[in-house]
Amino acid sequence: MNAPLRMATVSDGMGGIRHVLRPAPPPAPANSRGKKKRHVPDPIKANPESAAQQLRLFIERLERMDEEIRGMQDDRKDVLNEAKANGYDTKTIGTILKLRQLDPNNRMEAEALLETYKASLGIE
């Protein structure tokens, strides 16, 4: 691929000028519109004791959230096992959950497409 060219005015060495094509300079970076990048100080260097305590609190909060997520996943599995024990198909329940999360218009469109595809393949 050829590099973009630009017209440049140069001296001809005899007191005159001439126009020549030269490679164009590379485009300026996207953030060069005069905005300066905001400097964010390193919290550990600024106040090591406070930063370490704050970091420990963030980690502990995330660990608690992970534990809650694991508990909720176990609860979800228990509900699906209960539904299965009562004779319900868990795959179909999963499909219904996905359909209920869709916007009604998107759901109708997806169902219409599914029917179209099934009909074209002779599945009915």
N, C-alpha and C. Protein backbone atom coordinates (compact mmCIF):
# COMPACT_ATOMS: atom_id res chain seq x y z
N MET A 1 0.84 -1.18 0.00
CA MET A 1 0.00 0.00 0.00
C MET A 1 0.88 1.24 0.00
N ASN A 2 0.56 2.23 -0.81
CA ASN A 2 1.34 3.45 -0.92
C ASN A 2 1.06 4.36 0.26
N ALA A 3 2.13 5.04 0.70
CA ALA A 3 1.97 6.01 1.77
C ALA A 3 1.25 7.24 1.23
N PRO A 4 0.45 7.91 2.02
CA PRO A 4 -0.23 9.12 1.54
C PRO A 4 0.80 10.21 1.24
N LEU A 5 0.50 10.99 0.22
CA LEU A 5 1.41 12.04 -0.21
C LEU A 5 0.79 13.40 0.04
N ARG A 6 1.69 14.42 0.15
CA ARG A 6 1.22 15.80 0.28
C ARG A 6 2.07 16.68 -0.61
N MET A 7 1.54 17.79 -1.01
CA MET A 7 2.26 18.71 -1.88
C MET A 7 3.14 19.59 -0.99
N ALA A 8 4.44 19.69 -1.35
CA ALA A 8 5.37 20.51 -0.60
C ALA A 8 5.98 21.56 -1.53
N THR A 9 6.25 22.72 -0.99
CA THR A 9 6.89 23.80 -1.75
C THR A 9 8.36 23.82 -1.36
N VAL A 10 9.24 23.70 -2.35
CA VAL A 10 10.68 23.69 -2.08
C VAL A 10 11.37 24.69 -2.99
N SER A 11 12.53 25.11 -2.58
CA SER A 11 13.31 26.04 -3.39
C SER A 11 13.92 25.29 -4.57
N ASP A 12 13.99 25.96 -5.70
CA ASP A 12 14.59 25.31 -6.88
C ASP A 12 16.08 25.61 -6.99
N GLY A 13 16.65 26.37 -6.05
CA GLY A 13 18.07 26.68 -6.04
C GLY A 13 18.44 27.90 -6.88
N MET A 14 17.46 28.46 -7.58
CA MET A 14 17.73 29.63 -8.44
C MET A 14 16.84 30.80 -8.05
N GLY A 15 16.42 30.81 -6.82
CA GLY A 15 15.60 31.92 -6.34
C GLY A 15 14.11 31.69 -6.55
N GLY A 16 13.74 30.60 -7.12
CA GLY A 16 12.33 30.30 -7.35
C GLY A 16 11.88 29.13 -6.46
N ILE A 17 10.66 28.72 -6.69
CA ILE A 17 10.13 27.59 -5.94
C ILE A 17 9.54 26.58 -6.90
N ARG A 18 9.41 25.37 -6.42
CA ARG A 18 8.73 24.36 -7.21
C ARG A 18 7.91 23.49 -6.25
N HIS A 19 6.93 22.84 -6.77
CA HIS A 19 6.06 21.98 -5.98
C HIS A 19 6.41 20.53 -6.24
N VAL A 20 6.55 19.77 -5.15
CA VAL A 20 6.86 18.35 -5.27
C VAL A 20 5.98 17.57 -4.30
N LEU A 21 5.79 16.29 -4.62
CA LEU A 21 5.04 15.42 -3.72
C LEU A 21 5.99 14.76 -2.74
N ARG A 22 5.63 14.82 -1.49
CA ARG A 22 6.41 14.20 -0.42
C ARG A 22 5.50 13.32 0.41
N PRO A 23 6.06 12.31 1.11
CA PRO A 23 5.22 11.49 2.00
C PRO A 23 4.61 12.36 3.10
N ALA A 24 3.35 12.12 3.39
CA ALA A 24 2.66 12.88 4.42
C ALA A 24 3.15 12.42 5.79
N PRO A 25 3.20 13.35 6.76
CA PRO A 25 3.60 12.95 8.10
C PRO A 25 2.55 12.02 8.70
N PRO A 26 2.95 11.18 9.64
CA PRO A 26 1.96 10.29 10.25
C PRO A 26 0.89 11.09 10.97
N PRO A 27 -0.33 10.54 11.06
CA PRO A 27 -1.39 11.28 11.74
C PRO A 27 -1.06 11.47 13.22
N ALA A 28 -1.56 12.55 13.76
CA ALA A 28 -1.33 12.85 15.18
C ALA A 28 -2.09 11.85 16.04
N PRO A 29 -1.58 11.54 17.23
CA PRO A 29 -2.31 10.63 18.12
C PRO A 29 -3.69 11.18 18.45
N ALA A 30 -4.60 10.29 18.78
CA ALA A 30 -6.00 10.67 19.02
C ALA A 30 -6.16 11.63 20.18
N ASN A 31 -5.30 11.54 21.20
CA ASN A 31 -5.50 12.38 22.38
C ASN A 31 -4.67 13.66 22.32
N SER A 32 -4.22 14.07 21.13
CA SER A 32 -3.37 15.25 21.03
C SER A 32 -4.17 16.53 20.80
N ARG A 33 -5.40 16.56 21.22
CA ARG A 33 -6.24 17.73 20.99
C ARG A 33 -6.10 18.74 22.11
N GLY A 34 -4.95 18.75 22.76
CA GLY A 34 -4.72 19.73 23.80
C GLY A 34 -5.10 19.23 25.19
N LYS A 35 -5.76 18.10 25.27
CA LYS A 35 -6.13 17.58 26.59
C LYS A 35 -4.93 16.88 27.19
N LYS A 36 -4.68 17.19 28.43
CA LYS A 36 -3.59 16.53 29.12
C LYS A 36 -4.15 15.35 29.90
N LYS A 37 -3.36 14.29 29.93
CA LYS A 37 -3.77 13.12 30.68
C LYS A 37 -3.70 13.46 32.17
N ARG A 38 -4.76 13.15 32.87
CA ARG A 38 -4.83 13.46 34.30
C ARG A 38 -3.90 12.54 35.06
N HIS A 39 -3.07 13.12 35.88
CA HIS A 39 -2.14 12.33 36.68
C HIS A 39 -2.86 11.81 37.92
N VAL A 40 -2.84 10.50 38.10
CA VAL A 40 -3.43 9.89 39.27
C VAL A 40 -2.28 9.39 40.14
N PRO A 41 -2.14 9.95 41.34
CA PRO A 41 -1.01 9.54 42.18
C PRO A 41 -1.16 8.09 42.65
N ASP A 42 -0.04 7.44 42.84
CA ASP A 42 -0.03 6.07 43.35
C ASP A 42 -0.40 6.12 44.83
N PRO A 43 -1.53 5.49 45.22
CA PRO A 43 -1.95 5.60 46.62
C PRO A 43 -0.99 4.91 47.59
N ILE A 44 -0.30 3.90 47.12
CA ILE A 44 0.61 3.19 48.03
C ILE A 44 1.82 4.07 48.33
N LYS A 45 2.33 4.80 47.34
CA LYS A 45 3.47 5.69 47.59
C LYS A 45 3.05 6.91 48.40
N ALA A 46 1.84 7.40 48.18
CA ALA A 46 1.37 8.61 48.86
C ALA A 46 1.16 8.37 50.35
N ASN A 47 0.54 7.25 50.70
CA ASN A 47 0.24 6.97 52.11
C ASN A 47 0.23 5.46 52.29
N PRO A 48 1.37 4.83 52.50
CA PRO A 48 1.46 3.38 52.47
C PRO A 48 0.56 2.65 53.46
N GLU A 49 0.46 3.14 54.68
CA GLU A 49 -0.35 2.44 55.69
C GLU A 49 -1.83 2.49 55.35
N SER A 50 -2.31 3.68 55.01
CA SER A 50 -3.72 3.84 54.67
C SER A 50 -4.06 3.07 53.39
N ALA A 51 -3.16 3.13 52.42
CA ALA A 51 -3.41 2.44 51.15
C ALA A 51 -3.45 0.94 51.34
N ALA A 52 -2.57 0.41 52.17
CA ALA A 52 -2.56 -1.03 52.42
C ALA A 52 -3.85 -1.46 53.11
N GLN A 53 -4.33 -0.65 54.06
CA GLN A 53 -5.58 -0.97 54.75
C GLN A 53 -6.75 -0.90 53.77
N GLN A 54 -6.79 0.12 52.92
CA GLN A 54 -7.86 0.25 51.94
C GLN A 54 -7.85 -0.91 50.96
N LEU A 55 -6.66 -1.31 50.49
CA LEU A 55 -6.53 -2.43 49.58
C LEU A 55 -7.03 -3.71 50.25
N ARG A 56 -6.67 -3.93 51.51
CA ARG A 56 -7.13 -5.11 52.24
C ARG A 56 -8.66 -5.14 52.34
N LEU A 57 -9.27 -3.97 52.57
CA LEU A 57 -10.74 -3.90 52.65
C LEU A 57 -11.38 -4.23 51.31
N PHE A 58 -10.80 -3.74 50.20
CA PHE A 58 -11.33 -4.08 48.87
C PHE A 58 -11.27 -5.58 48.64
N ILE A 59 -10.12 -6.17 48.95
CA ILE A 59 -9.95 -7.61 48.76
C ILE A 59 -10.96 -8.39 49.59
N GLU A 60 -11.14 -8.00 50.85
CA GLU A 60 -12.09 -8.70 51.72
C GLU A 60 -13.52 -8.58 51.20
N ARG A 61 -13.90 -7.39 50.69
CA ARG A 61 -15.23 -7.23 50.11
C ARG A 61 -15.43 -8.13 48.92
N LEU A 62 -14.42 -8.19 48.04
CA LEU A 62 -14.52 -9.04 46.86
C LEU A 62 -14.60 -10.52 47.26
N GLU A 63 -13.86 -10.92 48.27
CA GLU A 63 -13.93 -12.31 48.74
C GLU A 63 -15.32 -12.64 49.27
N ARG A 64 -15.93 -11.70 50.02
CA ARG A 64 -17.30 -11.93 50.51
C ARG A 64 -18.28 -12.04 49.35
N MET A 65 -18.11 -11.19 48.35
CA MET A 65 -19.01 -11.25 47.18
C MET A 65 -18.85 -12.57 46.45
N ASP A 66 -17.61 -13.04 46.29
CA ASP A 66 -17.38 -14.34 45.65
C ASP A 66 -18.05 -15.46 46.44
N GLU A 67 -17.99 -15.38 47.75
CA GLU A 67 -18.63 -16.40 48.59
C GLU A 67 -20.16 -16.36 48.42
N GLU A 68 -20.72 -15.14 48.35
CA GLU A 68 -22.16 -15.02 48.14
C GLU A 68 -22.55 -15.59 46.77
N ILE A 69 -21.74 -15.33 45.76
CA ILE A 69 -22.03 -15.85 44.42
C ILE A 69 -22.03 -17.37 44.44
N ARG A 70 -21.01 -17.97 45.10
CA ARG A 70 -20.97 -19.44 45.19
C ARG A 70 -22.21 -19.97 45.91
N GLY A 71 -22.63 -19.29 46.98
CA GLY A 71 -23.83 -19.71 47.70
C GLY A 71 -25.07 -19.63 46.82
N MET A 72 -25.18 -18.56 46.04
CA MET A 72 -26.34 -18.41 45.16
C MET A 72 -26.32 -19.46 44.05
N GLN A 73 -25.13 -19.80 43.56
CA GLN A 73 -25.04 -20.84 42.53
C GLN A 73 -25.47 -22.19 43.10
N ASP A 74 -25.09 -22.45 44.34
CA ASP A 74 -25.53 -23.69 44.99
C ASP A 74 -27.04 -23.71 45.16
N ASP A 75 -27.62 -22.56 45.55
CA ASP A 75 -29.08 -22.46 45.70
C ASP A 75 -29.77 -22.70 44.35
N ARG A 76 -29.22 -22.14 43.29
CA ARG A 76 -29.80 -22.31 41.95
C ARG A 76 -29.78 -23.78 41.54
N LYS A 77 -28.66 -24.42 41.82
CA LYS A 77 -28.55 -25.84 41.49
C LYS A 77 -29.57 -26.66 42.29
N ASP A 78 -29.78 -26.30 43.56
CA ASP A 78 -30.77 -27.00 44.39
C ASP A 78 -32.17 -26.85 43.82
N VAL A 79 -32.53 -25.65 43.35
CA VAL A 79 -33.87 -25.42 42.79
C VAL A 79 -34.04 -26.24 41.51
N LEU A 80 -33.01 -26.26 40.66
CA LEU A 80 -33.11 -27.06 39.43
C LEU A 80 -33.23 -28.55 39.75
N ASN A 81 -32.49 -29.03 40.75
CA ASN A 81 -32.61 -30.43 41.15
C ASN A 81 -34.00 -30.75 41.69
N GLU A 82 -34.58 -29.79 42.42
CA GLU A 82 -35.93 -29.98 42.95
C GLU A 82 -36.94 -30.05 41.80
N ALA A 83 -36.78 -29.16 40.81
CA ALA A 83 -37.68 -29.18 39.65
C ALA A 83 -37.53 -30.50 38.90
N LYS A 84 -36.30 -30.97 38.75
CA LYS A 84 -36.06 -32.24 38.06
C LYS A 84 -36.69 -33.40 38.83
N ALA A 85 -36.61 -33.37 40.16
CA ALA A 85 -37.21 -34.42 40.98
C ALA A 85 -38.73 -34.44 40.84
N ASN A 86 -39.33 -33.30 40.53
CA ASN A 86 -40.78 -33.21 40.33
C ASN A 86 -41.18 -33.50 38.89
N GLY A 87 -40.21 -33.89 38.04
CA GLY A 87 -40.53 -34.32 36.69
C GLY A 87 -40.38 -33.27 35.62
N TYR A 88 -39.85 -32.10 35.94
CA TYR A 88 -39.69 -31.05 34.93
C TYR A 88 -38.34 -31.20 34.24
N ASP A 89 -38.28 -30.80 32.96
CA ASP A 89 -37.05 -30.86 32.18
C ASP A 89 -36.24 -29.59 32.44
N THR A 90 -35.03 -29.74 32.96
CA THR A 90 -34.23 -28.58 33.35
C THR A 90 -33.70 -27.81 32.13
N LYS A 91 -33.48 -28.50 31.00
CA LYS A 91 -33.05 -27.78 29.79
C LYS A 91 -34.14 -26.83 29.32
N THR A 92 -35.37 -27.30 29.36
CA THR A 92 -36.49 -26.46 28.93
C THR A 92 -36.67 -25.29 29.88
N ILE A 93 -36.48 -25.53 31.17
CA ILE A 93 -36.56 -24.44 32.15
C ILE A 93 -35.49 -23.40 31.83
N GLY A 94 -34.28 -23.85 31.50
CA GLY A 94 -33.21 -22.91 31.13
C GLY A 94 -33.56 -22.10 29.90
N THR A 95 -34.17 -22.76 28.92
CA THR A 95 -34.58 -22.06 27.70
C THR A 95 -35.64 -21.00 28.02
N ILE A 96 -36.59 -21.35 28.87
CA ILE A 96 -37.64 -20.40 29.25
C ILE A 96 -37.03 -19.21 29.99
N LEU A 97 -36.07 -19.47 30.86
CA LEU A 97 -35.41 -18.36 31.58
C LEU A 97 -34.74 -17.41 30.59
N LYS A 98 -34.07 -17.95 29.58
CA LYS A 98 -33.43 -17.09 28.59
C LYS A 98 -34.46 -16.29 27.80
N LEU A 99 -35.57 -16.93 27.44
CA LEU A 99 -36.61 -16.23 26.67
C LEU A 99 -37.25 -15.12 27.50
N ARG A 100 -37.45 -15.36 28.78
CA ARG A 100 -38.07 -14.33 29.63
C ARG A 100 -37.17 -13.12 29.82
N GLN A 101 -35.85 -13.29 29.66
CA GLN A 101 -34.93 -12.17 29.80
C GLN A 101 -34.92 -11.27 28.57
N LEU A 102 -35.40 -11.80 27.43
CA LEU A 102 -35.42 -11.01 26.21
C LEU A 102 -36.54 -9.99 26.20
N ASP A 103 -36.32 -8.92 25.47
CA ASP A 103 -37.36 -7.94 25.20
C ASP A 103 -38.46 -8.64 24.41
N PRO A 104 -39.75 -8.36 24.66
CA PRO A 104 -40.83 -9.06 23.95
C PRO A 104 -40.69 -9.01 22.43
N ASN A 105 -40.27 -7.88 21.87
CA ASN A 105 -40.12 -7.79 20.40
C ASN A 105 -38.99 -8.69 19.92
N ASN A 106 -37.88 -8.69 20.64
CA ASN A 106 -36.75 -9.55 20.26
C ASN A 106 -37.13 -11.02 20.39
N ARG A 107 -37.91 -11.34 21.42
CA ARG A 107 -38.34 -12.72 21.62
C ARG A 107 -39.24 -13.18 20.48
N MET A 108 -40.19 -12.33 20.07
CA MET A 108 -41.08 -12.69 18.96
C MET A 108 -40.28 -12.86 17.67
N GLU A 109 -39.30 -11.99 17.45
CA GLU A 109 -38.47 -12.10 16.25
C GLU A 109 -37.68 -13.41 16.27
N ALA A 110 -37.09 -13.76 17.43
CA ALA A 110 -36.32 -15.00 17.53
C ALA A 110 -37.20 -16.22 17.32
N GLU A 111 -38.42 -16.20 17.87
CA GLU A 111 -39.34 -17.32 17.70
C GLU A 111 -39.78 -17.44 16.23
N ALA A 112 -40.01 -16.30 15.56
CA ALA A 112 -40.39 -16.33 14.15
C ALA A 112 -39.26 -16.89 13.30
N LEU A 113 -38.04 -16.48 13.60
CA LEU A 113 -36.89 -17.01 12.86
C LEU A 113 -36.75 -18.51 13.07
N LEU A 114 -36.94 -18.95 14.31
CA LEU A 114 -36.83 -20.38 14.61
C LEU A 114 -37.88 -21.16 13.81
N GLU A 115 -39.11 -20.66 13.77
CA GLU A 115 -40.18 -21.33 13.01
C GLU A 115 -39.84 -21.35 11.52
N THR A 116 -39.30 -20.25 11.00
CA THR A 116 -38.91 -20.18 9.58
C THR A 116 -37.84 -21.22 9.27
N TYR A 117 -36.81 -21.28 10.12
CA TYR A 117 -35.74 -22.24 9.90
C TYR A 117 -36.24 -23.67 10.00
N LYS A 118 -37.09 -23.93 10.99
CA LYS A 118 -37.64 -25.29 11.14
C LYS A 118 -38.44 -25.67 9.92
N ALA A 119 -39.25 -24.74 9.42
CA ALA A 119 -40.08 -25.03 8.25
C ALA A 119 -39.22 -25.28 7.02
N SER A 120 -38.15 -24.51 6.85
CA SER A 120 -37.30 -24.69 5.69
C SER A 120 -36.52 -26.00 5.74
N LEU A 121 -36.28 -26.52 6.93
CA LEU A 121 -35.59 -27.79 7.08
C LEU A 121 -36.54 -28.98 7.19
N GLY A 122 -37.84 -28.70 7.19
CA GLY A 122 -38.82 -29.77 7.28
C GLY A 122 -38.95 -30.35 8.68
N ILE A 123 -38.63 -29.57 9.67
CA ILE A 123 -38.74 -30.02 11.06
C ILE A 123 -40.06 -29.49 11.63
N GLU A 124 -41.00 -30.35 11.89
CA GLU A 124 -42.28 -29.95 12.50
C GLU A 124 -43.00 -31.17 12.96
